[in-house]
């Protein structure tokens, strides 16, 4: 059998110049993507460390504004946990993938739970932005001048959000080069979807917190998969109305959006109806 296989391989036609050039180009692309993956990851870890070492200690200053006292977690969110994850684990895992780019997808999936840190960071970001805009930018300006840095703290606090967007782009580049027949194609696609999910999930969690008059314990309905506005038809006259729908693993929840009078630019969602095990039931609202 080994001799037959050897004979078969020896009779395979050689790659054409075009095919050889295409294969070489693909390898070069993969090398460049991995180089960018790893170098930007190192830069990202350094930026997180820079924030933690230079800006967080500023909140211990004696002349700290009263409005900023005890607001460390509001301003910085869980950035220290994000730094710990990347510095102690994820950077090293990416470096191990340098010569096998298609294994990066599995690397992301192995740390799926840790990437939930980004959803929590994004959920907190509006509170951080509001406090920075009102008090923080002026207060932290002194340290920025001392560091002779062109970038202010607000710009650094955007980096975790930007990093997830960068991951999605780089994973998409790897996906383009990975043949669909390869098992790695599935893991790369799944990892890209996971990253994009966490990118929007912070907004999903924010919206869930804004639910009002809800007689359902949403924390017991499984993971929140998506939230979006839909036109819903109801009643015998088939009237339509705009509702904000929350899709959980075990429940579909219908709510009505209304501007939040206490927070400019934000909505609250008044509970209207919910349906358990949607696949087995016919949706019928207020008939």
Protein backbone atom coordinates (compact mmCIF):
# COMPACT_ATOMS: atom_id res chain seq x y z
CA UNK A 1 0.00 0.00 0.00
CA UNK A 2 2.83 2.41 0.85
CA UNK A 3 4.45 1.70 -2.55
CA UNK A 4 1.11 2.27 -4.32
CA UNK A 5 0.65 5.59 -2.52
CA UNK A 6 4.20 6.62 -3.42
CA UNK A 7 3.56 5.71 -7.05
CA UNK A 8 0.29 7.66 -7.04
CA UNK A 9 1.94 10.77 -5.60
CA UNK A 10 4.80 10.56 -8.10
CA UNK A 11 2.27 10.58 -10.92
CA UNK A 12 0.38 13.64 -9.66
CA UNK A 13 0.84 16.60 -12.01
CA UNK A 14 3.13 19.32 -10.64
CA UNK A 15 1.60 22.61 -9.56
CA UNK A 16 1.31 25.13 -12.34
CA UNK A 17 3.25 28.41 -11.98
CA UNK A 18 -0.05 30.17 -11.20
CA UNK A 19 -0.95 27.63 -8.49
CA UNK A 20 2.54 27.85 -6.99
CA UNK A 21 2.37 31.65 -6.92
CA UNK A 22 -1.09 31.49 -5.33
CA UNK A 23 0.10 29.08 -2.63
CA UNK A 24 3.14 31.26 -1.93
CA UNK A 25 0.94 34.36 -1.70
CA UNK A 26 -1.40 32.60 0.72
CA UNK A 27 1.50 31.57 2.99
CA UNK A 28 2.83 35.12 2.95
CA UNK A 29 -0.61 36.47 3.85
CA UNK A 30 -0.89 34.04 6.75
CA UNK A 31 2.55 35.00 8.03
CA UNK A 32 1.66 38.69 7.86
CA UNK A 33 -1.65 38.17 9.66
CA UNK A 34 0.03 36.21 12.45
CA UNK A 35 2.78 38.80 12.73
CA UNK A 36 0.14 41.50 13.12
CA UNK A 37 -1.86 39.36 15.55
CA UNK A 38 1.10 38.87 17.88
CA UNK A 39 2.70 42.31 17.62
CA UNK A 40 -0.57 44.16 18.18
CA UNK A 41 -1.33 41.84 21.10
CA UNK A 42 1.98 42.78 22.73
CA UNK A 43 1.25 46.46 22.13
CA UNK A 44 -2.22 46.02 23.59
CA UNK A 45 -0.92 44.35 26.76
CA UNK A 46 1.61 47.16 27.15
CA UNK A 47 -1.15 49.76 26.79
CA UNK A 48 -3.27 48.09 29.48
CA UNK A 49 -0.26 47.96 31.79
CA UNK A 50 0.41 51.65 31.05
CA UNK A 51 -3.13 52.56 32.16
CA UNK A 52 -2.92 50.50 35.35
CA UNK A 53 0.51 51.78 36.38
CA UNK A 54 0.05 55.46 35.53
CA UNK A 55 -3.62 56.40 35.74
CA UNK A 56 -5.31 54.20 38.34
CA UNK A 57 -2.95 55.42 41.14
CA UNK A 58 -4.13 58.99 40.38
CA UNK A 59 -7.35 58.20 42.23
CA UNK A 60 -5.35 58.06 45.48
CA UNK A 61 -4.26 61.70 45.15
CA UNK A 62 -5.13 63.95 48.09
CA UNK A 63 -6.61 66.59 45.80
CA UNK A 64 -8.97 64.13 44.09
CA UNK A 65 -12.35 65.58 43.20
CA UNK A 66 -15.19 64.49 45.45
CA UNK A 67 -17.15 63.33 42.40
CA UNK A 68 -14.34 60.85 41.57
CA UNK A 69 -13.87 59.38 45.05
CA UNK A 70 -14.66 55.67 45.10
CA UNK A 71 -15.26 55.66 41.34
CA UNK A 72 -12.33 53.47 40.32
CA UNK A 73 -14.55 50.66 39.02
CA UNK A 74 -16.82 53.10 37.19
CA UNK A 75 -13.95 54.79 35.34
CA UNK A 76 -11.78 51.75 34.65
CA UNK A 77 -14.34 48.95 34.73
CA UNK A 78 -12.72 45.51 34.86
CA UNK A 79 -9.63 46.58 32.90
CA UNK A 80 -7.28 45.00 35.47
CA UNK A 81 -8.91 41.59 34.97
CA UNK A 82 -8.67 42.01 31.20
CA UNK A 83 -4.97 42.83 31.54
CA UNK A 84 -4.38 39.80 33.77
CA UNK A 85 -6.06 37.49 31.25
CA UNK A 86 -4.05 38.76 28.29
CA UNK A 87 -0.72 39.15 30.07
CA UNK A 88 -0.76 35.80 31.86
CA UNK A 89 -2.53 33.61 29.33
CA UNK A 90 -3.73 34.82 25.95
CA UNK A 91 -0.57 36.50 24.65
CA UNK A 92 1.45 33.32 25.22
CA UNK A 93 -1.23 31.21 23.51
CA UNK A 94 -1.16 33.47 20.44
CA UNK A 95 2.63 33.25 20.30
CA UNK A 96 2.35 29.44 20.28
CA UNK A 97 0.16 29.72 17.17
CA UNK A 98 2.73 31.74 15.21
CA UNK A 99 3.72 28.87 12.92
CA UNK A 100 0.26 27.28 12.76
CA UNK A 101 -2.13 30.17 12.03
CA UNK A 102 -5.26 28.05 11.63
CA UNK A 103 -5.04 26.92 15.28
CA UNK A 104 -5.81 30.49 16.41
CA UNK A 105 -9.55 29.79 16.19
CA UNK A 106 -9.34 27.05 18.82
CA UNK A 107 -7.21 29.36 20.96
CA UNK A 108 -10.08 31.87 21.07
CA UNK A 109 -12.71 29.21 21.76
CA UNK A 110 -10.66 27.77 24.64
CA UNK A 111 -10.92 31.17 26.35
CA UNK A 112 -14.55 31.86 25.49
CA UNK A 113 -15.51 32.42 29.14
CA UNK A 114 -12.68 34.93 29.63
CA UNK A 115 -13.83 36.97 26.63
CA UNK A 116 -17.07 37.62 28.51
CA UNK A 117 -14.95 40.19 30.38
CA UNK A 118 -15.34 42.39 27.30
CA UNK A 119 -19.13 42.30 27.41
CA UNK A 120 -18.93 43.50 31.02
CA UNK A 121 -16.42 46.19 30.08
CA UNK A 122 -18.64 47.43 27.25
CA UNK A 123 -21.66 47.40 29.53
CA UNK A 124 -19.87 49.72 31.95
CA UNK A 125 -18.42 51.97 29.23
CA UNK A 126 -21.30 54.50 29.03
CA UNK A 127 -21.01 55.18 32.78
CA UNK A 128 -17.25 55.57 32.41
CA UNK A 129 -17.66 57.92 29.45
CA UNK A 130 -20.16 60.10 31.31
CA UNK A 131 -17.93 60.44 34.38
CA UNK A 132 -14.84 61.08 32.28
CA UNK A 133 -16.61 63.73 30.24
CA UNK A 134 -17.88 65.59 33.29
CA UNK A 135 -14.89 65.30 35.63
CA UNK A 136 -12.26 62.77 34.58
CA UNK A 137 -10.76 64.34 31.47
CA UNK A 138 -9.77 67.49 33.36
CA UNK A 139 -8.58 65.60 36.44
CA UNK A 140 -6.36 63.12 34.54
CA UNK A 141 -4.95 65.82 32.26
CA UNK A 142 -2.21 66.53 34.80
CA UNK A 143 -0.83 62.99 34.50
CA UNK A 144 -1.06 63.09 30.70
CA UNK A 145 1.08 66.24 30.62
CA UNK A 146 3.55 64.68 33.05
CA UNK A 147 3.86 61.62 30.79
CA UNK A 148 4.18 63.88 27.72
CA UNK A 149 1.61 61.70 26.01
CA UNK A 150 -0.42 62.91 23.03
CA UNK A 151 -3.20 60.46 23.90
CA UNK A 152 -5.51 61.16 26.82
CA UNK A 153 -6.93 58.57 29.20
CA UNK A 154 -10.28 58.50 27.39
CA UNK A 155 -8.47 57.30 24.25
CA UNK A 156 -6.70 54.55 26.19
CA UNK A 157 -9.98 53.40 27.72
CA UNK A 158 -11.27 52.79 24.18
CA UNK A 159 -8.55 50.23 23.48
CA UNK A 160 -10.41 47.15 24.83
CA UNK A 161 -13.38 47.97 22.59
CA UNK A 162 -11.10 48.54 19.60
CA UNK A 163 -9.16 45.35 20.33
CA UNK A 164 -12.21 43.15 19.96
CA UNK A 165 -12.95 44.79 16.62
CA UNK A 166 -9.37 44.09 15.55
CA UNK A 167 -9.69 40.42 16.54
CA UNK A 168 -12.79 40.09 14.37
CA UNK A 169 -10.97 41.57 11.36
CA UNK A 170 -7.86 39.41 11.77
CA UNK A 171 -9.91 36.24 12.24
CA UNK A 172 -11.80 37.09 9.07
CA UNK A 173 -8.48 37.39 7.23
CA UNK A 174 -7.43 33.93 8.43
CA UNK A 175 -10.82 32.55 7.46
CA UNK A 176 -10.34 33.77 3.87
CA UNK A 177 -7.13 31.74 3.59
CA UNK A 178 -8.42 28.58 5.25
CA UNK A 179 -9.98 26.00 2.87
CA UNK A 180 -13.57 25.12 3.80
CA UNK A 181 -12.67 21.42 3.82
CA UNK A 182 -10.26 22.00 6.72
CA UNK A 183 -11.64 21.35 10.22
CA UNK A 184 -9.94 24.59 11.27
CA UNK A 185 -12.34 26.52 9.03
CA UNK A 186 -15.21 25.70 11.37
CA UNK A 187 -13.30 26.74 14.51
CA UNK A 188 -12.11 29.98 12.90
CA UNK A 189 -15.68 30.83 11.89
CA UNK A 190 -16.98 29.97 15.36
CA UNK A 191 -14.29 32.12 17.00
CA UNK A 192 -15.09 35.09 14.76
CA UNK A 193 -18.79 34.76 15.64
CA UNK A 194 -17.91 34.53 19.34
CA UNK A 195 -15.87 37.74 19.19
CA UNK A 196 -18.62 39.61 17.35
CA UNK A 197 -21.18 38.32 19.86
CA UNK A 198 -19.16 39.65 22.80
CA UNK A 199 -18.75 42.97 20.97
CA UNK A 200 -22.50 43.56 20.91
CA UNK A 201 -23.33 41.67 24.12
CA UNK A 202 -22.35 44.62 26.31
CA UNK A 203 -25.17 46.60 24.72
CA UNK A 204 -27.48 43.63 25.19
CA UNK A 205 -26.69 43.54 28.92
CA UNK A 206 -27.25 47.30 29.19
CA UNK A 207 -30.66 46.93 27.59
CA UNK A 208 -31.56 44.03 29.89
CA UNK A 209 -30.78 46.20 32.92
CA UNK A 210 -33.20 48.81 31.55
CA UNK A 211 -36.20 46.43 31.68
CA UNK A 212 -39.05 47.83 33.80
CA UNK A 213 -42.17 46.26 35.37
CA UNK A 214 -40.95 42.80 34.42
CA UNK A 215 -42.65 39.90 36.25
CA UNK A 216 -40.18 37.35 34.87
CA UNK A 217 -36.78 36.60 36.41
CA UNK A 218 -34.69 37.09 33.26
CA UNK A 219 -31.60 35.71 34.99
CA UNK A 220 -33.23 32.28 34.97
CA UNK A 221 -34.00 32.26 31.23
CA UNK A 222 -30.59 31.24 29.96
CA UNK A 223 -28.20 33.43 28.03
CA UNK A 224 -29.44 36.59 26.34
CA UNK A 225 -28.77 35.87 22.67
CA UNK A 226 -30.00 39.08 21.06
CA UNK A 227 -32.15 42.16 21.59
CA UNK A 228 -33.62 44.23 18.78
CA UNK A 229 -36.63 46.26 17.67
CA UNK A 230 -39.26 44.50 15.55
CA UNK A 231 -42.65 45.31 14.07
CA UNK A 232 -45.11 42.88 15.67
CA UNK A 233 -48.59 42.18 14.25
CA UNK A 234 -51.33 41.37 16.75
CA UNK A 235 -55.07 41.15 17.25
CA UNK A 236 -57.84 40.18 14.86
CA UNK A 237 -57.43 43.45 12.99
CA UNK A 238 -53.75 42.61 12.49
CA UNK A 239 -52.56 45.92 13.86
CA UNK A 240 -48.83 46.42 13.99
CA UNK A 241 -46.69 48.00 16.66
CA UNK A 242 -42.99 48.50 17.26
CA UNK A 243 -41.72 46.35 20.11
CA UNK A 244 -38.29 45.71 21.55
CA UNK A 245 -37.71 41.96 21.73
CA UNK A 246 -35.24 40.15 24.00
CA UNK A 247 -34.32 36.66 22.81
CA UNK A 248 -33.12 34.41 25.64
CA UNK A 249 -32.24 30.73 25.37
CA UNK A 250 -35.50 29.76 27.12
CA UNK A 251 -37.73 32.78 26.59
CA UNK A 252 -38.80 35.48 24.16
CA UNK A 253 -39.66 38.72 25.93
CA UNK A 254 -41.61 41.60 24.40
CA UNK A 255 -41.24 45.16 25.65
CA UNK A 256 -42.05 48.72 24.64
CA UNK A 257 -39.15 51.18 24.37
CA UNK A 258 -39.38 54.64 25.86
CA UNK A 259 -36.82 57.40 26.31
CA UNK A 260 -35.24 57.33 29.78
CA UNK A 261 -36.10 60.64 31.47
CA UNK A 262 -33.10 60.30 33.80
CA UNK A 263 -30.45 59.40 31.22
CA UNK A 264 -30.21 61.41 28.04
CA UNK A 265 -29.86 59.29 24.92
CA UNK A 266 -30.90 56.03 26.62
CA UNK A 267 -34.11 53.98 26.58
CA UNK A 268 -36.04 52.03 29.17
CA UNK A 269 -38.04 48.97 28.17
CA UNK A 270 -41.47 48.36 29.69
CA UNK A 271 -42.37 44.67 29.90
CA UNK A 272 -45.39 43.62 27.82
CA UNK A 273 -45.40 39.88 27.31
CA UNK A 274 -43.20 36.79 27.24
CA UNK A 275 -43.33 33.34 25.70
CA UNK A 276 -41.55 30.23 26.97
CA UNK A 277 -40.28 27.53 24.59
CA UNK A 278 -41.06 29.56 21.51
CA UNK A 279 -40.49 26.65 19.09
CA UNK A 280 -43.48 24.76 20.51
CA UNK A 281 -45.96 27.62 20.77
CA UNK A 282 -47.84 29.90 18.42
CA UNK A 283 -47.17 33.58 19.09
CA UNK A 284 -50.44 35.36 19.86
CA UNK A 285 -50.28 38.75 21.53
CA UNK A 286 -53.22 40.49 23.25
CA UNK A 287 -55.84 38.85 21.07
